[in-house]
Amino acid sequence: MKTDMVIAGVGGQGILSIAAALGFAALDNDLYMKQAETHGMSQRGGDVQSFMRISDQPIYSDLIPKGGADIILSVEPMEALRYLPFLKKGGYLVTNSTPFININDYPEEEKLVETIHSLPNYILIDADRIAKEEVGSARAFNFVMLGAASPFIEVPFEYLEEGIRKIFCKKGDDVVDMNIKALHAGRKFAEEHK
């Protein structure tokens, strides 16, 4: 069992919360985990990425080589394409369809979607809409994204639920339940569209 993934997005989109839930899911269940994060001007809407490696065998490096990621999980479509060189042949791109337009020369949305549709394995999900309409909170879109990636992560789904419980337990049951509901909504979408 092994999953190497790049988690990408823009500062403030919950990348580090996704990584924390995955980290607790791995460590609390006796899996090996290595993580490397880059916070590029995240407070100003800059790109943020995290390399996450999870395995049932020892891991010796926290970095993922180009062409080595099983999954690119991105909460923003342009950031998804930025990290495509890391995706291995047969790997999955899982990305939110809602752009975070924070630069003047942001690519045309049609071209982004066209590039994503040209890939052999992808999930393109409107996580913002699902979070608002199905979960009841726009803030939970990052866990909709984790749910959409979960069928491709070699970690039992209940471990991901435990990871969410661990990071949000001090915020109360309502917050925990909302984020787990988001996780399930994303998983359901991915299973229906993969």
N, C-alpha and C. Protein backbone atom coordinates (compact mmCIF):
# COMPACT_ATOMS: atom_id res chain seq x y z
N MET A 1 0.84 -1.17 0.00
CA MET A 1 0.00 0.00 0.00
C MET A 1 0.89 1.24 0.00
N LYS A 2 0.67 2.12 -0.97
CA LYS A 2 1.48 3.33 -1.08
C LYS A 2 0.72 4.36 -1.91
N THR A 3 0.72 5.59 -1.44
CA THR A 3 0.16 6.70 -2.21
C THR A 3 1.08 7.89 -2.09
N ASP A 4 1.50 8.40 -3.24
CA ASP A 4 2.28 9.63 -3.31
C ASP A 4 1.39 10.68 -3.96
N MET A 5 1.17 11.79 -3.26
CA MET A 5 0.29 12.79 -3.83
C MET A 5 0.81 14.20 -3.62
N VAL A 6 0.46 15.05 -4.58
CA VAL A 6 0.73 16.48 -4.49
C VAL A 6 -0.61 17.15 -4.22
N ILE A 7 -0.67 17.92 -3.15
CA ILE A 7 -1.87 18.67 -2.81
C ILE A 7 -1.56 20.13 -3.12
N ALA A 8 -2.37 20.76 -3.97
CA ALA A 8 -2.04 22.09 -4.46
C ALA A 8 -3.23 23.03 -4.39
N GLY A 9 -2.92 24.30 -4.28
CA GLY A 9 -3.97 25.33 -4.28
C GLY A 9 -3.36 26.69 -4.00
N VAL A 10 -4.21 27.57 -3.48
CA VAL A 10 -3.84 28.94 -3.19
C VAL A 10 -3.99 29.15 -1.69
N GLY A 11 -3.16 30.01 -1.13
CA GLY A 11 -3.22 30.29 0.30
C GLY A 11 -4.63 30.60 0.77
N GLY A 12 -5.04 29.96 1.85
CA GLY A 12 -6.36 30.18 2.42
C GLY A 12 -7.41 29.19 1.96
N GLN A 13 -7.05 28.24 1.09
CA GLN A 13 -8.02 27.28 0.56
C GLN A 13 -8.06 25.96 1.34
N GLY A 14 -7.33 25.85 2.41
CA GLY A 14 -7.43 24.66 3.23
C GLY A 14 -6.51 23.51 2.86
N ILE A 15 -5.44 23.81 2.14
CA ILE A 15 -4.48 22.77 1.74
C ILE A 15 -3.88 22.10 2.97
N LEU A 16 -3.49 22.91 3.93
CA LEU A 16 -2.82 22.36 5.10
C LEU A 16 -3.79 21.56 5.98
N SER A 17 -5.07 21.90 5.96
CA SER A 17 -6.07 21.10 6.69
C SER A 17 -6.23 19.73 6.04
N ILE A 18 -6.22 19.69 4.71
CA ILE A 18 -6.27 18.40 4.01
C ILE A 18 -5.06 17.57 4.39
N ALA A 19 -3.88 18.19 4.34
CA ALA A 19 -2.64 17.47 4.68
C ALA A 19 -2.66 16.99 6.13
N ALA A 20 -3.19 17.80 7.04
CA ALA A 20 -3.26 17.40 8.45
C ALA A 20 -4.18 16.20 8.63
N ALA A 21 -5.33 16.22 7.98
CA ALA A 21 -6.26 15.09 8.09
C ALA A 21 -5.62 13.82 7.55
N LEU A 22 -4.94 13.92 6.42
CA LEU A 22 -4.24 12.76 5.86
C LEU A 22 -3.13 12.29 6.79
N GLY A 23 -2.40 13.23 7.35
CA GLY A 23 -1.31 12.88 8.26
C GLY A 23 -1.81 12.12 9.48
N PHE A 24 -2.87 12.63 10.12
CA PHE A 24 -3.43 11.92 11.27
C PHE A 24 -4.00 10.57 10.86
N ALA A 25 -4.64 10.51 9.69
CA ALA A 25 -5.19 9.24 9.20
C ALA A 25 -4.09 8.20 9.08
N ALA A 26 -2.93 8.61 8.61
CA ALA A 26 -1.81 7.68 8.44
C ALA A 26 -1.18 7.31 9.79
N LEU A 27 -0.78 8.31 10.53
CA LEU A 27 -0.02 8.07 11.75
C LEU A 27 -0.83 7.37 12.83
N ASP A 28 -2.10 7.71 12.97
CA ASP A 28 -2.93 7.08 13.99
C ASP A 28 -3.28 5.64 13.65
N ASN A 29 -2.94 5.22 12.43
CA ASN A 29 -3.26 3.86 12.01
C ASN A 29 -2.01 3.09 11.60
N ASP A 30 -0.89 3.49 12.21
CA ASP A 30 0.38 2.78 12.05
C ASP A 30 0.88 2.70 10.62
N LEU A 31 0.60 3.73 9.83
CA LEU A 31 1.18 3.83 8.50
C LEU A 31 2.36 4.81 8.56
N TYR A 32 3.24 4.70 7.59
CA TYR A 32 4.36 5.62 7.48
C TYR A 32 3.90 6.82 6.67
N MET A 33 4.43 8.00 7.01
CA MET A 33 4.03 9.21 6.31
C MET A 33 5.19 10.18 6.29
N LYS A 34 5.39 10.81 5.14
CA LYS A 34 6.35 11.91 5.02
C LYS A 34 5.62 13.03 4.29
N GLN A 35 5.93 14.26 4.71
CA GLN A 35 5.26 15.41 4.11
C GLN A 35 6.25 16.55 3.95
N ALA A 36 6.14 17.25 2.83
CA ALA A 36 6.92 18.46 2.59
C ALA A 36 5.96 19.53 2.10
N GLU A 37 6.03 20.72 2.68
CA GLU A 37 5.12 21.80 2.30
C GLU A 37 5.90 22.99 1.77
N THR A 38 5.26 23.71 0.86
CA THR A 38 5.77 24.98 0.40
C THR A 38 4.66 26.00 0.53
N HIS A 39 4.94 27.08 1.23
CA HIS A 39 3.95 28.14 1.43
C HIS A 39 4.45 29.38 0.68
N GLY A 40 4.18 29.45 -0.60
CA GLY A 40 4.66 30.57 -1.40
C GLY A 40 3.75 31.77 -1.31
N MET A 41 4.11 32.75 -0.50
CA MET A 41 3.31 33.98 -0.35
C MET A 41 1.85 33.66 -0.09
N SER A 42 1.59 32.65 0.70
CA SER A 42 0.23 32.17 0.90
C SER A 42 -0.71 33.21 1.47
N GLN A 43 -0.21 34.15 2.25
CA GLN A 43 -1.09 35.16 2.81
C GLN A 43 -1.54 36.17 1.77
N ARG A 44 -0.93 36.17 0.62
CA ARG A 44 -1.32 37.09 -0.44
C ARG A 44 -1.96 36.35 -1.61
N GLY A 45 -2.45 35.16 -1.37
CA GLY A 45 -3.09 34.41 -2.44
C GLY A 45 -2.12 33.66 -3.32
N GLY A 46 -0.90 33.46 -2.84
CA GLY A 46 0.10 32.73 -3.61
C GLY A 46 -0.13 31.23 -3.55
N ASP A 47 0.61 30.51 -4.38
CA ASP A 47 0.41 29.07 -4.45
C ASP A 47 0.96 28.39 -3.20
N VAL A 48 0.28 27.32 -2.82
CA VAL A 48 0.68 26.48 -1.69
C VAL A 48 0.61 25.04 -2.18
N GLN A 49 1.63 24.26 -1.85
CA GLN A 49 1.58 22.84 -2.21
C GLN A 49 2.18 22.02 -1.09
N SER A 50 1.71 20.79 -1.02
CA SER A 50 2.22 19.85 -0.04
C SER A 50 2.44 18.52 -0.73
N PHE A 51 3.63 17.97 -0.58
CA PHE A 51 3.88 16.60 -1.02
C PHE A 51 3.51 15.69 0.15
N MET A 52 2.72 14.68 -0.11
CA MET A 52 2.28 13.76 0.93
C MET A 52 2.56 12.35 0.45
N ARG A 53 3.34 11.61 1.24
CA ARG A 53 3.67 10.23 0.91
C ARG A 53 3.20 9.35 2.06
N ILE A 54 2.37 8.36 1.76
CA ILE A 54 1.81 7.46 2.77
C ILE A 54 2.06 6.04 2.30
N SER A 55 2.51 5.18 3.23
CA SER A 55 2.82 3.79 2.87
C SER A 55 2.74 2.89 4.10
N ASP A 56 2.61 1.60 3.85
CA ASP A 56 2.73 0.64 4.95
C ASP A 56 4.17 0.16 5.10
N GLN A 57 5.07 0.71 4.29
CA GLN A 57 6.51 0.43 4.35
C GLN A 57 7.26 1.72 4.65
N PRO A 58 8.46 1.65 5.20
CA PRO A 58 9.22 2.88 5.48
C PRO A 58 9.40 3.74 4.23
N ILE A 59 9.39 5.05 4.44
CA ILE A 59 9.55 6.05 3.38
C ILE A 59 10.82 6.81 3.70
N TYR A 60 11.69 6.99 2.73
CA TYR A 60 12.99 7.59 3.01
C TYR A 60 13.11 9.04 2.55
N SER A 61 12.19 9.53 1.77
CA SER A 61 12.25 10.92 1.32
C SER A 61 10.86 11.52 1.35
N ASP A 62 10.78 12.81 1.65
CA ASP A 62 9.48 13.47 1.65
C ASP A 62 9.17 14.10 0.29
N LEU A 63 10.10 14.06 -0.62
CA LEU A 63 9.88 14.66 -1.94
C LEU A 63 9.42 13.62 -2.95
N ILE A 64 8.58 14.07 -3.86
CA ILE A 64 8.07 13.21 -4.94
C ILE A 64 8.74 13.67 -6.23
N PRO A 65 9.37 12.76 -6.95
CA PRO A 65 10.02 13.18 -8.20
C PRO A 65 8.99 13.45 -9.29
N LYS A 66 9.39 14.21 -10.29
CA LYS A 66 8.51 14.42 -11.44
C LYS A 66 8.17 13.06 -12.03
N GLY A 67 6.91 12.90 -12.38
CA GLY A 67 6.43 11.63 -12.91
C GLY A 67 6.21 10.57 -11.85
N GLY A 68 6.20 10.95 -10.56
CA GLY A 68 6.09 9.97 -9.50
C GLY A 68 4.83 10.03 -8.66
N ALA A 69 3.97 11.03 -8.86
CA ALA A 69 2.78 11.19 -8.02
C ALA A 69 1.62 10.33 -8.53
N ASP A 70 1.01 9.61 -7.61
CA ASP A 70 -0.19 8.84 -7.96
C ASP A 70 -1.39 9.76 -8.17
N ILE A 71 -1.40 10.87 -7.42
CA ILE A 71 -2.53 11.79 -7.45
C ILE A 71 -2.02 13.22 -7.37
N ILE A 72 -2.64 14.09 -8.16
CA ILE A 72 -2.53 15.53 -7.96
C ILE A 72 -3.91 15.94 -7.45
N LEU A 73 -3.98 16.41 -6.23
CA LEU A 73 -5.24 16.88 -5.64
C LEU A 73 -5.13 18.39 -5.56
N SER A 74 -5.95 19.09 -6.34
CA SER A 74 -5.87 20.54 -6.37
C SER A 74 -7.23 21.16 -6.11
N VAL A 75 -7.23 22.18 -5.26
CA VAL A 75 -8.48 22.86 -4.96
C VAL A 75 -8.71 24.05 -5.89
N GLU A 76 -7.90 24.13 -6.95
CA GLU A 76 -7.97 25.22 -7.92
C GLU A 76 -7.42 24.72 -9.25
N PRO A 77 -8.11 24.95 -10.38
CA PRO A 77 -7.70 24.30 -11.64
C PRO A 77 -6.35 24.74 -12.21
N MET A 78 -5.99 26.00 -12.12
CA MET A 78 -4.69 26.40 -12.67
C MET A 78 -3.55 25.75 -11.87
N GLU A 79 -3.72 25.68 -10.56
CA GLU A 79 -2.70 25.04 -9.74
C GLU A 79 -2.60 23.55 -10.06
N ALA A 80 -3.71 22.94 -10.43
CA ALA A 80 -3.67 21.53 -10.84
C ALA A 80 -2.73 21.35 -12.02
N LEU A 81 -2.85 22.24 -13.00
CA LEU A 81 -2.03 22.11 -14.20
C LEU A 81 -0.57 22.45 -13.93
N ARG A 82 -0.32 23.32 -12.97
CA ARG A 82 1.06 23.68 -12.61
C ARG A 82 1.84 22.43 -12.18
N TYR A 83 1.16 21.49 -11.51
CA TYR A 83 1.85 20.32 -10.96
C TYR A 83 1.69 19.06 -11.81
N LEU A 84 1.11 19.17 -12.99
CA LEU A 84 0.97 18.00 -13.88
C LEU A 84 2.28 17.28 -14.17
N PRO A 85 3.42 17.97 -14.27
CA PRO A 85 4.67 17.22 -14.52
C PRO A 85 4.99 16.19 -13.43
N PHE A 86 4.39 16.32 -12.26
CA PHE A 86 4.65 15.36 -11.19
C PHE A 86 3.77 14.11 -11.31
N LEU A 87 2.71 14.16 -12.09
CA LEU A 87 1.77 13.05 -12.19
C LEU A 87 2.36 11.90 -13.00
N LYS A 88 2.29 10.70 -12.44
CA LYS A 88 2.84 9.55 -13.16
C LYS A 88 1.82 9.05 -14.19
N LYS A 89 2.30 8.29 -15.13
CA LYS A 89 1.43 7.69 -16.13
C LYS A 89 0.43 6.79 -15.41
N GLY A 90 -0.84 6.98 -15.70
CA GLY A 90 -1.89 6.22 -15.03
C GLY A 90 -2.39 6.86 -13.76
N GLY A 91 -1.74 7.96 -13.32
CA GLY A 91 -2.16 8.65 -12.10
C GLY A 91 -3.42 9.46 -12.34
N TYR A 92 -4.00 9.96 -11.25
CA TYR A 92 -5.25 10.72 -11.31
C TYR A 92 -5.04 12.18 -10.96
N LEU A 93 -5.65 13.06 -11.75
CA LEU A 93 -5.77 14.46 -11.40
C LEU A 93 -7.17 14.65 -10.83
N VAL A 94 -7.25 15.18 -9.62
CA VAL A 94 -8.53 15.48 -8.98
C VAL A 94 -8.50 16.97 -8.69
N THR A 95 -9.38 17.74 -9.35
CA THR A 95 -9.33 19.19 -9.19
C THR A 95 -10.72 19.81 -9.11
N ASN A 96 -10.75 20.89 -8.37
CA ASN A 96 -11.94 21.72 -8.28
C ASN A 96 -12.08 22.46 -9.61
N SER A 97 -13.31 22.64 -10.07
CA SER A 97 -13.53 23.37 -11.32
C SER A 97 -13.62 24.88 -11.10
N THR A 98 -13.78 25.31 -9.87
CA THR A 98 -13.94 26.73 -9.56
C THR A 98 -12.58 27.40 -9.47
N PRO A 99 -12.31 28.37 -10.36
CA PRO A 99 -11.02 29.04 -10.32
C PRO A 99 -10.93 30.07 -9.19
N PHE A 100 -9.71 30.30 -8.75
CA PHE A 100 -9.41 31.37 -7.81
C PHE A 100 -8.56 32.35 -8.61
N ILE A 101 -9.19 33.34 -9.17
CA ILE A 101 -8.49 34.25 -10.09
C ILE A 101 -7.81 35.33 -9.27
N ASN A 102 -6.51 35.17 -9.11
CA ASN A 102 -5.74 36.07 -8.26
C ASN A 102 -4.60 36.76 -9.00
N ILE A 103 -4.54 36.57 -10.32
CA ILE A 103 -3.51 37.21 -11.13
C ILE A 103 -4.16 37.77 -12.39
N ASN A 104 -3.54 38.81 -12.97
CA ASN A 104 -4.13 39.46 -14.15
C ASN A 104 -4.15 38.56 -15.37
N ASP A 105 -3.13 37.74 -15.53
CA ASP A 105 -3.06 36.91 -16.73
C ASP A 105 -3.49 35.46 -16.46
N TYR A 106 -4.50 35.31 -15.61
CA TYR A 106 -5.04 33.98 -15.32
C TYR A 106 -5.51 33.36 -16.64
N PRO A 107 -5.18 32.09 -16.89
CA PRO A 107 -5.57 31.46 -18.16
C PRO A 107 -7.09 31.42 -18.35
N GLU A 108 -7.51 31.38 -19.60
CA GLU A 108 -8.94 31.26 -19.90
C GLU A 108 -9.46 29.94 -19.32
N GLU A 109 -10.61 30.03 -18.67
CA GLU A 109 -11.19 28.85 -18.03
C GLU A 109 -11.45 27.73 -19.04
N GLU A 110 -11.88 28.08 -20.23
CA GLU A 110 -12.15 27.06 -21.26
C GLU A 110 -10.89 26.27 -21.60
N LYS A 111 -9.76 26.96 -21.67
CA LYS A 111 -8.50 26.27 -21.98
C LYS A 111 -8.06 25.37 -20.83
N LEU A 112 -8.27 25.82 -19.60
CA LEU A 112 -7.96 24.97 -18.45
C LEU A 112 -8.78 23.69 -18.49
N VAL A 113 -10.09 23.84 -18.70
CA VAL A 113 -10.98 22.68 -18.73
C VAL A 113 -10.64 21.77 -19.91
N GLU A 114 -10.32 22.35 -21.04
CA GLU A 114 -9.93 21.56 -22.22
C GLU A 114 -8.69 20.72 -21.92
N THR A 115 -7.71 21.30 -21.26
CA THR A 115 -6.50 20.57 -20.90
C THR A 115 -6.82 19.44 -19.93
N ILE A 116 -7.66 19.71 -18.95
CA ILE A 116 -8.04 18.68 -17.98
C ILE A 116 -8.78 17.54 -18.68
N HIS A 117 -9.69 17.88 -19.58
CA HIS A 117 -10.44 16.85 -20.31
C HIS A 117 -9.56 16.01 -21.23
N SER A 118 -8.38 16.51 -21.57
CA SER A 118 -7.48 15.75 -22.45
C SER A 118 -6.72 14.66 -21.69
N LEU A 119 -6.79 14.69 -20.36
CA LEU A 119 -6.07 13.71 -19.56
C LEU A 119 -6.84 12.39 -19.49
N PRO A 120 -6.13 11.28 -19.38
CA PRO A 120 -6.83 9.99 -19.34
C PRO A 120 -7.58 9.73 -18.03
N ASN A 121 -7.07 10.25 -16.90
CA ASN A 121 -7.67 9.97 -15.59
C ASN A 121 -7.82 11.27 -14.81
N TYR A 122 -9.05 11.72 -14.67
CA TYR A 122 -9.28 12.95 -13.92
C TYR A 122 -10.68 12.95 -13.31
N ILE A 123 -10.80 13.73 -12.25
CA ILE A 123 -12.08 14.07 -11.65
C ILE A 123 -12.11 15.59 -11.61
N LEU A 124 -13.05 16.19 -12.30
CA LEU A 124 -13.26 17.64 -12.30
C LEU A 124 -14.57 17.88 -11.57
N ILE A 125 -14.51 18.51 -10.42
CA ILE A 125 -15.66 18.61 -9.53
C ILE A 125 -15.88 20.07 -9.11
N ASP A 126 -17.12 20.49 -9.07
CA ASP A 126 -17.45 21.82 -8.57
C ASP A 126 -17.63 21.70 -7.06
N ALA A 127 -16.51 21.66 -6.36
CA ALA A 127 -16.52 21.46 -4.91
C ALA A 127 -17.17 22.63 -4.18
N ASP A 128 -17.04 23.83 -4.72
CA ASP A 128 -17.67 24.98 -4.09
C ASP A 128 -19.19 24.82 -4.07
N ARG A 129 -19.77 24.43 -5.19
CA ARG A 129 -21.22 24.26 -5.27
C ARG A 129 -21.68 23.14 -4.35
N ILE A 130 -20.98 22.01 -4.38
CA ILE A 130 -21.35 20.87 -3.53
C ILE A 130 -21.27 21.25 -2.06
N ALA A 131 -20.23 21.98 -1.68
CA ALA A 131 -20.10 22.39 -0.28
C ALA A 131 -21.26 23.29 0.14
N LYS A 132 -21.62 24.23 -0.72
CA LYS A 132 -22.72 25.15 -0.38
C LYS A 132 -24.07 24.44 -0.37
N GLU A 133 -24.36 23.70 -1.45
CA GLU A 133 -25.70 23.15 -1.63
C GLU A 133 -25.94 21.84 -0.89
N GLU A 134 -24.95 20.96 -0.84
CA GLU A 134 -25.17 19.64 -0.24
C GLU A 134 -24.68 19.54 1.20
N VAL A 135 -23.66 20.31 1.51
CA VAL A 135 -23.08 20.23 2.86
C VAL A 135 -23.60 21.38 3.74
N GLY A 136 -23.91 22.51 3.12
CA GLY A 136 -24.44 23.64 3.87
C GLY A 136 -23.40 24.63 4.34
N SER A 137 -22.15 24.48 3.87
CA SER A 137 -21.10 25.42 4.23
C SER A 137 -20.06 25.50 3.12
N ALA A 138 -19.90 26.70 2.58
CA ALA A 138 -18.90 26.90 1.53
C ALA A 138 -17.49 26.61 2.03
N ARG A 139 -17.27 26.74 3.33
CA ARG A 139 -15.93 26.54 3.89
C ARG A 139 -15.47 25.09 3.83
N ALA A 140 -16.38 24.16 3.63
CA ALA A 140 -16.03 22.73 3.64
C ALA A 140 -15.59 22.21 2.28
N PHE A 141 -15.39 23.10 1.29
CA PHE A 141 -15.07 22.61 -0.06
C PHE A 141 -13.76 21.83 -0.11
N ASN A 142 -12.81 22.16 0.79
CA ASN A 142 -11.54 21.43 0.75
C ASN A 142 -11.74 19.95 1.13
N PHE A 143 -12.68 19.66 2.02
CA PHE A 143 -12.92 18.26 2.37
C PHE A 143 -13.82 17.57 1.35
N VAL A 144 -14.59 18.34 0.58
CA VAL A 144 -15.24 17.76 -0.61
C VAL A 144 -14.15 17.27 -1.55
N MET A 145 -13.09 18.07 -1.70
CA MET A 145 -11.98 17.69 -2.58
C MET A 145 -11.25 16.45 -2.07
N LEU A 146 -11.00 16.37 -0.77
CA LEU A 146 -10.36 15.17 -0.22
C LEU A 146 -11.24 13.95 -0.45
N GLY A 147 -12.54 14.11 -0.28
CA GLY A 147 -13.46 13.00 -0.55
C GLY A 147 -13.40 12.56 -2.00
N ALA A 148 -13.30 13.53 -2.92
CA ALA A 148 -13.23 13.21 -4.35
C ALA A 148 -11.94 12.46 -4.69
N ALA A 149 -10.88 12.72 -3.94
CA ALA A 149 -9.60 12.03 -4.18
C ALA A 149 -9.54 10.69 -3.46
N SER A 150 -10.40 10.48 -2.47
CA SER A 150 -10.28 9.31 -1.59
C SER A 150 -10.34 7.96 -2.29
N PRO A 151 -11.09 7.78 -3.39
CA PRO A 151 -11.06 6.47 -4.04
C PRO A 151 -9.69 6.08 -4.60
N PHE A 152 -8.81 7.07 -4.77
CA PHE A 152 -7.50 6.84 -5.39
C PHE A 152 -6.38 6.85 -4.36
N ILE A 153 -6.71 7.10 -3.10
CA ILE A 153 -5.73 7.11 -2.02
C ILE A 153 -5.78 5.76 -1.33
N GLU A 154 -4.65 5.10 -1.22
CA GLU A 154 -4.63 3.76 -0.63
C GLU A 154 -4.60 3.84 0.90
N VAL A 155 -5.63 4.48 1.42
CA VAL A 155 -5.85 4.58 2.86
C VAL A 155 -7.34 4.31 3.05
N PRO A 156 -7.69 3.42 3.96
CA PRO A 156 -9.12 3.17 4.19
C PRO A 156 -9.89 4.46 4.49
N PHE A 157 -11.08 4.56 3.92
CA PHE A 157 -11.90 5.77 4.04
C PHE A 157 -12.16 6.14 5.50
N GLU A 158 -12.37 5.14 6.34
CA GLU A 158 -12.65 5.43 7.75
C GLU A 158 -11.45 6.08 8.43
N TYR A 159 -10.24 5.85 7.93
CA TYR A 159 -9.07 6.52 8.48
C TYR A 159 -9.14 8.03 8.19
N LEU A 160 -9.64 8.37 7.00
CA LEU A 160 -9.78 9.79 6.66
C LEU A 160 -10.81 10.45 7.56
N GLU A 161 -11.89 9.75 7.83
CA GLU A 161 -12.90 10.28 8.77
C GLU A 161 -12.27 10.51 10.14
N GLU A 162 -11.45 9.57 10.59
CA GLU A 162 -10.77 9.71 11.89
C GLU A 162 -9.83 10.91 11.88
N GLY A 163 -9.14 11.12 10.77
CA GLY A 163 -8.24 12.27 10.66
C GLY A 163 -9.00 13.59 10.80
N ILE A 164 -10.16 13.67 10.19
CA ILE A 164 -10.99 14.88 10.31
C ILE A 164 -11.45 15.06 11.75
N ARG A 165 -11.88 13.97 12.38
CA ARG A 165 -12.30 14.06 13.79
C ARG A 165 -11.15 14.60 14.66
N LYS A 166 -9.97 14.12 14.38
CA LYS A 166 -8.80 14.49 15.20
C LYS A 166 -8.50 15.99 15.08
N ILE A 167 -8.52 16.53 13.85
CA ILE A 167 -8.13 17.93 13.71
C ILE A 167 -9.24 18.91 14.09
N PHE A 168 -10.49 18.48 14.09
CA PHE A 168 -11.59 19.40 14.40
C PHE A 168 -12.30 19.10 15.72
N CYS A 169 -11.85 18.11 16.49
CA CYS A 169 -12.57 17.71 17.70
C CYS A 169 -12.75 18.86 18.70
N LYS A 170 -11.80 19.76 18.77
CA LYS A 170 -11.91 20.87 19.72
C LYS A 170 -12.89 21.95 19.26
N LYS A 171 -13.32 21.87 18.00
CA LYS A 171 -14.26 22.86 17.48
C LYS A 171 -15.71 22.41 17.62
N GLY A 172 -15.91 21.19 18.10
CA GLY A 172 -17.27 20.72 18.36
C GLY A 172 -17.78 19.74 17.32
N ASP A 173 -18.83 19.02 17.72
CA ASP A 173 -19.40 17.98 16.86
C ASP A 173 -19.97 18.52 15.55
N ASP A 174 -20.55 19.72 15.58
CA ASP A 174 -21.13 20.28 14.35
C ASP A 174 -20.08 20.48 13.27
N VAL A 175 -18.92 20.98 13.65
CA VAL A 175 -17.83 21.21 12.69
C VAL A 175 -17.29 19.87 12.19
N VAL A 176 -17.12 18.92 13.10
CA VAL A 176 -16.65 17.59 12.70
C VAL A 176 -17.64 16.97 11.72
N ASP A 177 -18.92 16.98 12.08
CA ASP A 177 -19.95 16.36 11.24
C ASP A 177 -20.04 17.03 9.87
N MET A 178 -19.92 18.36 9.82
CA MET A 178 -19.98 19.08 8.55
C MET A 178 -18.85 18.65 7.64
N ASN A 179 -17.63 18.55 8.18
CA ASN A 179 -16.49 18.19 7.34
C ASN A 179 -16.53 16.72 6.91
N ILE A 180 -17.05 15.86 7.76
CA ILE A 180 -17.22 14.45 7.35
C ILE A 180 -18.31 14.34 6.29
N LYS A 181 -19.36 15.14 6.42
CA LYS A 181 -20.40 15.16 5.38
C LYS A 181 -19.80 15.62 4.05
N ALA A 182 -18.91 16.61 4.10
CA ALA A 182 -18.23 17.09 2.89
C ALA A 182 -17.37 15.98 2.28
N LEU A 183 -16.66 15.26 3.13
CA LEU A 183 -15.83 14.14 2.67
C LEU A 183 -16.68 13.12 1.92
N HIS A 184 -17.83 12.76 2.49
CA HIS A 184 -18.73 11.79 1.85
C HIS A 184 -19.30 12.32 0.54
N ALA A 185 -19.64 13.60 0.50
CA ALA A 185 -20.20 14.18 -0.73
C ALA A 185 -19.18 14.13 -1.87
N GLY A 186 -17.93 14.43 -1.56
CA GLY A 186 -16.88 14.37 -2.58
C GLY A 186 -16.64 12.95 -3.05
N ARG A 187 -16.63 12.01 -2.12
CA ARG A 187 -16.43 10.59 -2.48
C ARG A 187 -17.55 10.11 -3.39
N LYS A 188 -18.79 10.46 -3.05
CA LYS A 188 -19.93 10.05 -3.86
C LYS A 188 -19.79 10.58 -5.30
N PHE A 189 -19.41 11.86 -5.43
CA PHE A 189 -19.23 12.44 -6.76
C PHE A 189 -18.17 11.66 -7.55
N ALA A 190 -17.03 11.40 -6.92
CA ALA A 190 -15.93 10.71 -7.62
C ALA A 190 -16.35 9.31 -8.05
N GLU A 191 -17.05 8.60 -7.19
CA GLU A 191 -17.47 7.24 -7.54
C GLU A 191 -18.46 7.24 -8.70
N GLU A 192 -19.25 8.29 -8.81
CA GLU A 192 -20.23 8.39 -9.91
C GLU A 192 -19.61 8.89 -11.20
N HIS A 193 -18.42 9.52 -11.14
CA HIS A 193 -17.84 10.16 -12.33
C HIS A 193 -16.47 9.64 -12.74
N LYS A 194 -15.95 8.61 -12.07
CA LYS A 194 -14.61 8.15 -12.47
C LYS A 194 -14.68 7.21 -13.65
